[in-house]
Amino acid sequence: MGTSTVVVLVVLIIVWAIFASNTMSRKAQDRKLAEAKQASGNIGRAKWGVTDKLKGQGGIRLGFDKSGDILRFMKPRCHGLVVGKTGAGKGI
């Protein structure tokens, strides 16, 4: 084999490796995207915290309602959002 043949062979191997790498990463990306698009069952389960459900013992104290009763965040495995103006006592 001549030098030019070896160079062409090496270039072809490099091009093939790059193409194969991109193809494999595209397949992995497509698979992850398909998994992300599947329904998780969590959509549509959000609810407003009504006063009756926020009263009780335990949980994280959120504040007080208009009658002075303590409002508490009772569920340990969910997210909560507290909204109020600056200085309203949102910090824990």
C-alpha atoms as a PDB file:
ATOM      1  CA  MET A   1       0.000   0.000   0.000  1.00  0.00           C
ATOM      2  CA  GLY A   2       1.145   3.467  -0.794  1.00  0.00           C
ATOM      3  CA  THR A   3       1.131   6.443   1.542  1.00  0.00           C
ATOM      4  CA  SER A   4      -1.864   8.023  -0.167  1.00  0.00           C
ATOM      5  CA  THR A   5      -3.890   4.824   0.262  1.00  0.00           C
ATOM      6  CA  VAL A   6      -3.146   4.727   3.986  1.00  0.00           C
ATOM      7  CA  VAL A   7      -4.096   8.397   4.374  1.00  0.00           C
ATOM      8  CA  VAL A   8      -7.392   7.826   2.532  1.00  0.00           C
ATOM      9  CA  LEU A   9      -8.093   4.768   4.678  1.00  0.00           C
ATOM     10  CA  VAL A  10      -7.406   6.678   7.918  1.00  0.00           C
ATOM     11  CA  VAL A  11      -9.629   9.569   6.794  1.00  0.00           C
ATOM     12  CA  LEU A  12     -12.443   7.131   5.930  1.00  0.00           C
ATOM     13  CA  ILE A  13     -12.157   5.469   9.340  1.00  0.00           C
ATOM     14  CA  ILE A  14     -12.302   8.865  11.087  1.00  0.00           C
ATOM     15  CA  VAL A  15     -15.345   9.947   9.056  1.00  0.00           C
ATOM     16  CA  TRP A  16     -17.069   6.631   9.801  1.00  0.00           C
ATOM     17  CA  ALA A  17     -16.340   6.999  13.550  1.00  0.00           C
ATOM     18  CA  ILE A  18     -17.768  10.526  13.613  1.00  0.00           C
ATOM     19  CA  PHE A  19     -20.887   9.447  11.709  1.00  0.00           C
ATOM     20  CA  ALA A  20     -21.429   6.407  13.957  1.00  0.00           C
ATOM     21  CA  SER A  21     -20.976   8.542  17.077  1.00  0.00           C
ATOM     22  CA  ASN A  22     -23.522  11.113  15.902  1.00  0.00           C
ATOM     23  CA  THR A  23     -25.999   8.390  14.947  1.00  0.00           C
ATOM     24  CA  MET A  24     -25.746   6.733  18.365  1.00  0.00           C
ATOM     25  CA  SER A  25     -26.113  10.020  20.238  1.00  0.00           C
ATOM     26  CA  ARG A  26     -29.123  10.969  18.063  1.00  0.00           C
ATOM     27  CA  LYS A  27     -30.796   7.671  18.915  1.00  0.00           C
ATOM     28  CA  ALA A  28     -30.203   8.245  22.614  1.00  0.00           C
ATOM     29  CA  GLN A  29     -31.554  11.790  22.342  1.00  0.00           C
ATOM     30  CA  ASP A  30     -34.621  10.594  20.436  1.00  0.00           C
ATOM     31  CA  ARG A  31     -35.242   7.918  23.086  1.00  0.00           C
ATOM     32  CA  LYS A  32     -34.949  10.454  25.932  1.00  0.00           C
ATOM     33  CA  LEU A  33     -37.247  12.865  24.105  1.00  0.00           C
ATOM     34  CA  ALA A  34     -39.853  10.133  23.589  1.00  0.00           C
ATOM     35  CA  GLU A  35     -39.692   9.259  27.311  1.00  0.00           C
ATOM     36  CA  ALA A  36     -40.074  12.915  28.273  1.00  0.00           C
ATOM     37  CA  LYS A  37     -43.146  13.312  26.064  1.00  0.00           C
ATOM     38  CA  GLN A  38     -44.972  10.415  27.721  1.00  0.00           C
ATOM     39  CA  ALA A  39     -47.681  11.402  30.187  1.00  0.00           C
ATOM     40  CA  SER A  40     -46.488  11.264  33.785  1.00  0.00           C
ATOM     41  CA  GLY A  41     -49.940  11.412  35.358  1.00  0.00           C
ATOM     42  CA  ASN A  42     -49.024  14.523  37.337  1.00  0.00           C
ATOM     43  CA  ILE A  43     -50.711  17.049  35.068  1.00  0.00           C
ATOM     44  CA  GLY A  44     -54.028  18.308  36.338  1.00  0.00           C
ATOM     45  CA  ARG A  45     -53.624  17.353  39.994  1.00  0.00           C
ATOM     46  CA  ALA A  46     -52.756  20.793  41.350  1.00  0.00           C
ATOM     47  CA  LYS A  47     -55.219  22.261  43.840  1.00  0.00           C
ATOM     48  CA  TRP A  48     -55.667  25.481  45.751  1.00  0.00           C
ATOM     49  CA  GLY A  49     -55.117  25.240  49.484  1.00  0.00           C
ATOM     50  CA  VAL A  50     -58.473  26.032  51.051  1.00  0.00           C
ATOM     51  CA  THR A  51     -58.605  27.293  54.632  1.00  0.00           C
ATOM     52  CA  ASP A  52     -60.356  24.197  56.023  1.00  0.00           C
ATOM     53  CA  LYS A  53     -57.543  21.932  54.775  1.00  0.00           C
ATOM     54  CA  LEU A  54     -54.783  24.226  56.045  1.00  0.00           C
ATOM     55  CA  LYS A  55     -55.935  24.216  59.672  1.00  0.00           C
ATOM     56  CA  GLY A  56     -54.689  21.584  62.110  1.00  0.00           C
ATOM     57  CA  GLN A  57     -51.694  20.382  64.079  1.00  0.00           C
ATOM     58  CA  GLY A  58     -48.235  19.704  62.608  1.00  0.00           C
ATOM     59  CA  GLY A  59     -46.903  20.741  59.251  1.00  0.00           C
ATOM     60  CA  ILE A  60     -45.177  24.006  58.345  1.00  0.00           C
ATOM     61  CA  ARG A  61     -46.818  27.164  59.657  1.00  0.00           C
ATOM     62  CA  LEU A  62     -47.740  29.441  56.771  1.00  0.00           C
ATOM     63  CA  GLY A  63     -49.421  32.234  58.673  1.00  0.00           C
ATOM     64  CA  PHE A  64     -52.854  33.146  59.955  1.00  0.00           C
ATOM     65  CA  ASP A  65     -56.292  33.475  58.398  1.00  0.00           C
ATOM     66  CA  LYS A  66     -58.612  36.452  58.972  1.00  0.00           C
ATOM     67  CA  SER A  67     -59.991  34.968  62.192  1.00  0.00           C
ATOM     68  CA  GLY A  68     -56.486  34.449  63.638  1.00  0.00           C
ATOM     69  CA  ASP A  69     -56.300  30.647  63.229  1.00  0.00           C
ATOM     70  CA  ILE A  70     -52.907  29.228  62.223  1.00  0.00           C
ATOM     71  CA  LEU A  71     -52.666  27.947  58.643  1.00  0.00           C
ATOM     72  CA  ARG A  72     -50.252  25.039  58.113  1.00  0.00           C
ATOM     73  CA  PHE A  73     -48.825  23.240  55.083  1.00  0.00           C
ATOM     74  CA  MET A  74     -49.699  19.626  55.928  1.00  0.00           C
ATOM     75  CA  LYS A  75     -48.607  17.458  52.977  1.00  0.00           C
ATOM     76  CA  PRO A  76     -44.972  16.362  53.243  1.00  0.00           C
ATOM     77  CA  ARG A  77     -44.434  15.420  49.573  1.00  0.00           C
ATOM     78  CA  CYS A  78     -45.730  18.248  47.455  1.00  0.00           C
ATOM     79  CA  HIS A  79     -44.836  21.768  46.424  1.00  0.00           C
ATOM     80  CA  GLY A  80     -46.213  24.944  47.889  1.00  0.00           C
ATOM     81  CA  LEU A  81     -46.205  28.559  46.794  1.00  0.00           C
ATOM     82  CA  VAL A  82     -46.605  31.413  49.227  1.00  0.00           C
ATOM     83  CA  VAL A  83     -47.323  34.818  47.715  1.00  0.00           C
ATOM     84  CA  GLY A  84     -47.415  38.128  49.526  1.00  0.00           C
ATOM     85  CA  LYS A  85     -45.984  41.626  49.501  1.00  0.00           C
ATOM     86  CA  THR A  86     -42.569  42.485  50.901  1.00  0.00           C
ATOM     87  CA  GLY A  87     -42.516  42.237  54.693  1.00  0.00           C
ATOM     88  CA  ALA A  88     -45.677  40.132  54.850  1.00  0.00           C
ATOM     89  CA  GLY A  89     -43.923  37.281  56.708  1.00  0.00           C
ATOM     90  CA  LYS A  90     -43.486  34.740  53.913  1.00  0.00           C
ATOM     91  CA  GLY A  91     -40.020  33.641  55.081  1.00  0.00           C
ATOM     92  CA  ILE A  92     -39.517  30.512  57.120  1.00  0.00           C
END
